[in-house]
C-alpha atoms as a PDB file:
ATOM      1  CA  MET A   1      53.722  13.122 -20.161  1.00  0.00           C
ATOM      2  CA  PHE A   2      50.722  12.341 -22.300  1.00  0.00           C
ATOM      3  CA  LYS A   3      51.920   8.687 -22.684  1.00  0.00           C
ATOM      4  CA  LYS A   4      52.234   8.287 -18.900  1.00  0.00           C
ATOM      5  CA  ILE A   5      48.684   9.608 -18.310  1.00  0.00           C
ATOM      6  CA  PHE A   6      47.275   7.439 -21.005  1.00  0.00           C
ATOM      7  CA  LEU A   7      49.001   4.300 -19.546  1.00  0.00           C
ATOM      8  CA  PHE A   8      47.672   5.242 -16.110  1.00  0.00           C
ATOM      9  CA  LEU A   9      44.091   5.433 -17.500  1.00  0.00           C
ATOM     10  CA  VAL A  10      44.457   2.162 -19.340  1.00  0.00           C
ATOM     11  CA  LEU A  11      45.686   0.400 -16.225  1.00  0.00           C
ATOM     12  CA  CYS A  12      42.855   1.851 -14.093  1.00  0.00           C
ATOM     13  CA  ARG A  13      40.364   0.783 -16.769  1.00  0.00           C
ATOM     14  CA  PHE A  14      41.425  -2.801 -16.769  1.00  0.00           C
ATOM     15  CA  ALA A  15      42.087  -3.012 -13.014  1.00  0.00           C
ATOM     16  CA  ALA A  16      38.558  -1.743 -12.121  1.00  0.00           C
ATOM     17  CA  PRO A  17      36.774  -4.973 -12.470  1.00  0.00           C
ATOM     18  CA  ALA A  18      39.235  -6.801 -10.199  1.00  0.00           C
ATOM     19  CA  CYS A  19      38.774  -4.137  -7.530  1.00  0.00           C
ATOM     20  CA  ALA A  20      35.007  -3.746  -7.801  1.00  0.00           C
ATOM     21  CA  ALA A  21      34.049  -6.577  -5.653  1.00  0.00           C
ATOM     22  CA  VAL A  22      35.671  -7.094  -2.186  1.00  0.00           C
ATOM     23  CA  GLY A  23      35.124 -10.359  -0.573  1.00  0.00           C
ATOM     24  CA  CYS A  24      35.655 -11.582   3.029  1.00  0.00           C
ATOM     25  CA  ASP A  25      37.362 -14.797   3.715  1.00  0.00           C
ATOM     26  CA  LEU A  26      38.840 -16.285   6.964  1.00  0.00           C
ATOM     27  CA  ASN A  27      42.587 -15.948   6.866  1.00  0.00           C
ATOM     28  CA  ASP A  28      43.037 -19.477   8.391  1.00  0.00           C
ATOM     29  CA  PRO A  29      39.734 -21.300   8.166  1.00  0.00           C
ATOM     30  CA  ASP A  30      40.990 -24.580   9.557  1.00  0.00           C
ATOM     31  CA  ARG A  31      42.203 -22.883  12.724  1.00  0.00           C
ATOM     32  CA  ASP A  32      39.146 -20.707  13.092  1.00  0.00           C
ATOM     33  CA  VAL A  33      36.613 -23.501  12.508  1.00  0.00           C
ATOM     34  CA  ALA A  34      38.370 -25.592  15.190  1.00  0.00           C
ATOM     35  CA  ARG A  35      38.457 -22.694  17.604  1.00  0.00           C
ATOM     36  CA  LEU A  36      34.889 -21.563  17.179  1.00  0.00           C
ATOM     37  CA  PHE A  37      33.245 -24.987  16.667  1.00  0.00           C
ATOM     38  CA  PRO A  38      35.227 -27.565  18.887  1.00  0.00           C
ATOM     39  CA  GLY A  39      34.106 -31.100  18.117  1.00  0.00           C
ATOM     40  CA  ASN A  40      33.296 -30.344  14.433  1.00  0.00           C
ATOM     41  CA  THR A  41      34.128 -33.085  11.990  1.00  0.00           C
ATOM     42  CA  GLY A  42      34.490 -30.730   8.978  1.00  0.00           C
ATOM     43  CA  TYR A  43      33.234 -27.820   7.056  1.00  0.00           C
ATOM     44  CA  LYS A  44      32.221 -26.794   3.500  1.00  0.00           C
ATOM     45  CA  THR A  45      32.946 -23.463   1.830  1.00  0.00           C
ATOM     46  CA  ARG A  46      30.360 -21.850  -0.393  1.00  0.00           C
ATOM     47  CA  TYR A  47      30.761 -18.633  -2.518  1.00  0.00           C
ATOM     48  CA  LEU A  48      27.587 -16.560  -2.929  1.00  0.00           C
ATOM     49  CA  SER A  49      26.639 -13.186  -4.189  1.00  0.00           C
ATOM     50  CA  LEU A  50      23.468 -11.120  -4.340  1.00  0.00           C
ATOM     51  CA  LYS A  51      23.847 -10.861  -8.118  1.00  0.00           C
ATOM     52  CA  THR A  52      23.824 -14.595  -8.665  1.00  0.00           C
ATOM     53  CA  LEU A  53      21.129 -15.461  -5.941  1.00  0.00           C
ATOM     54  CA  GLY A  54      18.486 -12.870  -6.850  1.00  0.00           C
ATOM     55  CA  GLY A  55      19.986  -9.750  -8.488  1.00  0.00           C
ATOM     56  CA  GLN A  56      18.498  -6.399  -7.996  1.00  0.00           C
ATOM     57  CA  PRO A  57      15.295  -7.527  -6.281  1.00  0.00           C
ATOM     58  CA  LEU A  58      17.404  -9.362  -3.598  1.00  0.00           C
ATOM     59  CA  LEU A  59      19.579  -6.382  -3.175  1.00  0.00           C
ATOM     60  CA  ASP A  60      16.544  -4.059  -2.752  1.00  0.00           C
ATOM     61  CA  ARG A  61      15.035  -6.448  -0.153  1.00  0.00           C
ATOM     62  CA  VAL A  62      18.395  -6.556   1.794  1.00  0.00           C
ATOM     63  CA  GLU A  63      18.587  -2.851   1.816  1.00  0.00           C
ATOM     64  CA  LYS A  64      15.063  -2.416   3.001  1.00  0.00           C
ATOM     65  CA  ARG A  65      15.628  -4.930   5.808  1.00  0.00           C
ATOM     66  CA  LEU A  66      18.902  -3.204   6.734  1.00  0.00           C
ATOM     67  CA  GLY A  67      17.340   0.311   6.720  1.00  0.00           C
ATOM     68  CA  ASP A  68      20.171   1.707   4.646  1.00  0.00           C
ATOM     69  CA  SER A  69      21.523   1.623   1.119  1.00  0.00           C
ATOM     70  CA  PHE A  70      24.542  -0.363   0.016  1.00  0.00           C
ATOM     71  CA  HIS A  71      27.438   1.856  -1.144  1.00  0.00           C
ATOM     72  CA  GLY A  72      31.150   1.686  -1.879  1.00  0.00           C
ATOM     73  CA  LEU A  73      33.374  -1.236  -2.884  1.00  0.00           C
ATOM     74  CA  TYR A  74      32.367  -3.339   0.081  1.00  0.00           C
ATOM     75  CA  GLU A  75      28.663  -3.358  -0.885  1.00  0.00           C
ATOM     76  CA  THR A  76      28.261  -3.813  -4.629  1.00  0.00           C
ATOM     77  CA  ILE A  77      25.787  -6.403  -5.986  1.00  0.00           C
ATOM     78  CA  GLU A  78      28.745  -8.420  -7.263  1.00  0.00           C
ATOM     79  CA  VAL A  79      30.563  -8.728  -3.895  1.00  0.00           C
ATOM     80  CA  PRO A  80      31.381 -12.322  -3.203  1.00  0.00           C
ATOM     81  CA  TYR A  81      30.407 -13.651   0.158  1.00  0.00           C
ATOM     82  CA  THR A  82      32.145 -16.737   1.682  1.00  0.00           C
ATOM     83  CA  LEU A  83      29.929 -19.011   3.844  1.00  0.00           C
ATOM     84  CA  TYR A  84      31.340 -21.773   5.914  1.00  0.00           C
ATOM     85  CA  ASP A  85      28.945 -24.589   6.701  1.00  0.00           C
ATOM     86  CA  ILE A  86      30.169 -26.454   9.855  1.00  0.00           C
ATOM     87  CA  TYR A  87      29.306 -30.193  10.345  1.00  0.00           C
ATOM     88  CA  ARG A  88      29.414 -32.866  12.968  1.00  0.00           C
ATOM     89  CA  GLY A  89      29.034 -36.026  10.981  1.00  0.00           C
ATOM     90  CA  THR A  90      26.186 -35.318   8.604  1.00  0.00           C
ATOM     91  CA  GLN A  91      24.512 -32.695  10.833  1.00  0.00           C
ATOM     92  CA  THR A  92      24.976 -28.947  10.211  1.00  0.00           C
ATOM     93  CA  ILE A  93      25.847 -27.492  13.575  1.00  0.00           C
ATOM     94  CA  GLY A  94      26.531 -23.916  12.616  1.00  0.00           C
ATOM     95  CA  TYR A  95      27.963 -21.380  10.166  1.00  0.00           C
ATOM     96  CA  ILE A  96      30.747 -18.801   9.963  1.00  0.00           C
ATOM     97  CA  HIS A  97      30.160 -15.711   7.810  1.00  0.00           C
ATOM     98  CA  GLY A  98      31.937 -12.387   7.456  1.00  0.00           C
ATOM     99  CA  VAL A  99      31.297  -9.024   5.893  1.00  0.00           C
ATOM    100  CA  ASN A 100      33.357  -6.036   4.957  1.00  0.00           C
ATOM    101  CA  GLN A 101      32.213  -2.764   6.402  1.00  0.00           C
ATOM    102  CA  LYS A 102      33.662   0.665   5.848  1.00  0.00           C
ATOM    103  CA  GLY A 103      35.209   2.023   9.121  1.00  0.00           C
ATOM    104  CA  GLU A 104      36.545   5.436  10.120  1.00  0.00           C
ATOM    105  CA  TYR A 105      40.115   4.539   9.059  1.00  0.00           C
ATOM    106  CA  GLY A 106      39.604   1.663   6.623  1.00  0.00           C
ATOM    107  CA  GLY A 107      37.786  -1.590   6.093  1.00  0.00           C
ATOM    108  CA  ILE A 108      36.500  -3.664   9.033  1.00  0.00           C
ATOM    109  CA  GLN A 109      35.997  -7.441   8.620  1.00  0.00           C
ATOM    110  CA  VAL A 110      33.219  -8.655  10.981  1.00  0.00           C
ATOM    111  CA  PHE A 111      32.728 -12.380  11.319  1.00  0.00           C
ATOM    112  CA  LEU A 112      29.922 -14.126  13.173  1.00  0.00           C
ATOM    113  CA  ALA A 113      29.924 -17.805  14.216  1.00  0.00           C
ATOM    114  CA  LEU A 114      26.239 -18.778  14.230  1.00  0.00           C
ATOM    115  CA  ASP A 115      24.654 -21.930  15.666  1.00  0.00           C
ATOM    116  CA  ALA A 116      22.201 -24.066  13.595  1.00  0.00           C
ATOM    117  CA  ALA A 117      19.352 -21.652  14.440  1.00  0.00           C
ATOM    118  CA  ARG A 118      21.474 -18.745  13.379  1.00  0.00           C
ATOM    119  CA  ALA A 119      21.915 -17.161  16.919  1.00  0.00           C
ATOM    120  CA  ILE A 120      25.325 -15.616  17.444  1.00  0.00           C
ATOM    121  CA  LYS A 121      27.809 -18.091  19.003  1.00  0.00           C
ATOM    122  CA  ALA A 122      30.788 -15.894  18.721  1.00  0.00           C
ATOM    123  CA  PHE A 123      31.737 -12.473  17.419  1.00  0.00           C
ATOM    124  CA  TYR A 124      35.094 -12.048  15.672  1.00  0.00           C
ATOM    125  CA  ILE A 125      36.767  -9.070  14.035  1.00  0.00           C
ATOM    126  CA  GLN A 126      39.535 -10.150  11.641  1.00  0.00           C
ATOM    127  CA  LYS A 127      40.681  -6.887  10.124  1.00  0.00           C
ATOM    128  CA  LEU A 128      40.424  -3.510  11.830  1.00  0.00           C
ATOM    129  CA  THR A 129      42.279  -0.169  11.877  1.00  0.00           C
ATOM    130  CA  SER A 130      40.960   1.856  14.755  1.00  0.00           C
ATOM    131  CA  ARG A 131      42.049   3.753  17.855  1.00  0.00           C
ATOM    132  CA  ALA A 132      39.824   1.249  19.787  1.00  0.00           C
ATOM    133  CA  ALA A 133      40.959  -1.803  17.996  1.00  0.00           C
ATOM    134  CA  LYS A 134      42.035  -3.656  21.233  1.00  0.00           C
ATOM    135  CA  ASP A 135      38.718  -2.874  22.933  1.00  0.00           C
ATOM    136  CA  LEU A 136      36.554  -3.779  19.937  1.00  0.00           C
ATOM    137  CA  ARG A 137      38.461  -7.115  19.672  1.00  0.00           C
ATOM    138  CA  SER A 138      38.165  -7.831  23.386  1.00  0.00           C
ATOM    139  CA  LYS A 139      36.407 -10.783  24.851  1.00  0.00           C
ATOM    140  CA  ASP A 140      34.200  -8.529  26.993  1.00  0.00           C
ATOM    141  CA  PHE A 141      32.964  -6.618  23.940  1.00  0.00           C
ATOM    142  CA  GLY A 142      32.423  -9.660  21.759  1.00  0.00           C
ATOM    143  CA  ALA A 143      30.515 -11.483  24.498  1.00  0.00           C
ATOM    144  CA  GLN A 144      27.730  -8.843  24.360  1.00  0.00           C
ATOM    145  CA  PHE A 145      26.642 -10.341  20.935  1.00  0.00           C
ATOM    146  CA  GLU A 146      26.541 -13.897  22.052  1.00  0.00           C
ATOM    147  CA  GLY A 147      23.072 -15.457  22.076  1.00  0.00           C
ATOM    148  CA  LEU A 148      21.619 -12.562  19.996  1.00  0.00           C
ATOM    149  CA  ALA A 149      19.906 -13.103  16.610  1.00  0.00           C
ATOM    150  CA  LEU A 150      18.429 -11.075  13.743  1.00  0.00           C
ATOM    151  CA  LYS A 151      15.297 -10.438  15.659  1.00  0.00           C
ATOM    152  CA  ASP A 152      17.307  -8.573  18.275  1.00  0.00           C
ATOM    153  CA  PHE A 153      18.756  -6.196  15.619  1.00  0.00           C
ATOM    154  CA  ALA A 154      15.615  -5.801  13.410  1.00  0.00           C
ATOM    155  CA  ALA A 155      14.801  -2.406  15.011  1.00  0.00           C
ATOM    156  CA  TYR A 156      18.381  -1.129  14.939  1.00  0.00           C
ATOM    157  CA  ASP A 157      18.667   1.983  12.652  1.00  0.00           C
ATOM    158  CA  PRO A 158      22.125   2.073  11.078  1.00  0.00           C
ATOM    159  CA  VAL A 159      21.684   5.532   9.682  1.00  0.00           C
ATOM    160  CA  ALA A 160      20.787   7.073  13.026  1.00  0.00           C
ATOM    161  CA  ALA A 161      23.022   4.512  14.808  1.00  0.00           C
ATOM    162  CA  LYS A 162      20.276   3.895  17.360  1.00  0.00           C
ATOM    163  CA  ALA A 163      18.181   1.048  18.682  1.00  0.00           C
ATOM    164  CA  PRO A 164      14.931   1.182  20.713  1.00  0.00           C
ATOM    165  CA  ALA A 165      15.821   1.555  24.363  1.00  0.00           C
ATOM    166  CA  ALA A 166      14.265  -1.795  25.400  1.00  0.00           C
ATOM    167  CA  SER A 167      15.906  -3.851  22.593  1.00  0.00           C
ATOM    168  CA  PRO A 168      18.812  -6.213  23.151  1.00  0.00           C
ATOM    169  CA  ALA A 169      20.880  -4.216  20.604  1.00  0.00           C
ATOM    170  CA  ALA A 170      20.553  -1.006  22.697  1.00  0.00           C
ATOM    171  CA  ARG A 171      22.290  -2.879  25.605  1.00  0.00           C
ATOM    172  CA  ILE A 172      25.506  -3.299  23.739  1.00  0.00           C
ATOM    173  CA  LYS A 173      27.979  -0.853  25.135  1.00  0.00           C
ATOM    174  CA  ALA A 174      30.541   0.856  22.942  1.00  0.00           C
ATOM    175  CA  PRO A 175      34.190   1.025  24.041  1.00  0.00           C
ATOM    176  CA  ALA A 176      35.205   4.546  25.189  1.00  0.00           C
ATOM    177  CA  LYS A 177      37.284   5.441  22.157  1.00  0.00           C
ATOM    178  CA  ALA A 178      35.427   3.512  19.495  1.00  0.00           C
ATOM    179  CA  GLY A 179      33.468   6.430  18.045  1.00  0.00           C
ATOM    180  CA  GLN A 180      32.140   5.885  14.576  1.00  0.00           C
ATOM    181  CA  ASP A 181      33.768   2.433  14.389  1.00  0.00           C
ATOM    182  CA  PHE A 182      31.365   1.156  16.911  1.00  0.00           C
ATOM    183  CA  ASN A 183      28.479   2.220  14.717  1.00  0.00           C
ATOM    184  CA  SER A 184      30.116   0.573  11.713  1.00  0.00           C
ATOM    185  CA  VAL A 185      30.478  -2.738  13.653  1.00  0.00           C
ATOM    186  CA  MET A 186      26.784  -2.593  14.683  1.00  0.00           C
ATOM    187  CA  ARG A 187      25.679  -2.036  11.054  1.00  0.00           C
ATOM    188  CA  ALA A 188      27.993  -4.874   9.930  1.00  0.00           C
ATOM    189  CA  VAL A 189      26.466  -7.297  12.461  1.00  0.00           C
ATOM    190  CA  LYS A 190      22.925  -6.407  11.351  1.00  0.00           C
ATOM    191  CA  LYS A 191      23.965  -6.719   7.645  1.00  0.00           C
ATOM    192  CA  ASN A 192      25.661 -10.006   8.353  1.00  0.00           C
ATOM    193  CA  LEU A 193      22.563 -11.444  10.038  1.00  0.00           C
ATOM    194  CA  ILE A 194      20.312 -10.324   7.229  1.00  0.00           C
ATOM    195  CA  LEU A 195      22.499 -11.800   4.600  1.00  0.00           C
ATOM    196  CA  MET A 196      22.629 -15.077   6.487  1.00  0.00           C
ATOM    197  CA  ASP A 197      18.826 -15.014   6.614  1.00  0.00           C
ATOM    198  CA  GLU A 198      18.732 -14.752   2.856  1.00  0.00           C
ATOM    199  CA  PHE A 199      21.614 -17.177   2.237  1.00  0.00           C
ATOM    200  CA  VAL A 200      20.242 -19.853   4.730  1.00  0.00           C
ATOM    201  CA  PRO A 201      16.488 -19.354   5.023  1.00  0.00           C
ATOM    202  CA  ALA A 202      15.002 -20.593   8.281  1.00  0.00           C
ATOM    203  CA  LYS A 203      13.171 -23.915   8.096  1.00  0.00           C
ATOM    204  CA  LYS A 204       9.486 -23.428   8.483  1.00  0.00           C
ATOM    205  CA  GLU A 205       7.934 -25.363  11.443  1.00  0.00           C
ATOM    206  CA  LYS A 206       5.358 -27.972  10.472  1.00  0.00           C
END
């Protein structure tokens, strides 16, 4: 019995680093890039992390902008983020970026297709276990995010799960049975937009 327990502890010890960082990649990037950016001529994949881009100061800034602390396997400083830069010729026409978010029954993978100015072109949930999965993946629900940008979610409070009444984020309607998963999706969208603002800083106007 002692040998079995010891072996289990050893396996957990060596497995921990591999499980400590949970990334978020498109299952079929060729298909999704073609679907979300018709007319593109190619894309480039970049792998980024808060640890390599700025370390603890960057994580602190992202948390402050989010209005909530990072926690769990989906939000460690080592988590790898996959960013897809989309091209038409030599011009960058947009980006696709996804984040993992803890939901009520498991992880949720929320992807955003952003135009060159980083406004939401399309909203896409790749992984989701929820009673309202069909509704959260519906075109009607996803369409509510189209055209919105980070400024529209800046005042959204992910802890209270509330947005100011006059803000665009407050106008996004939750499906009837979504419950906590709707709040998780909203947090994921704001987190995604903040990370993209850090990964691809806006060009300053001259």
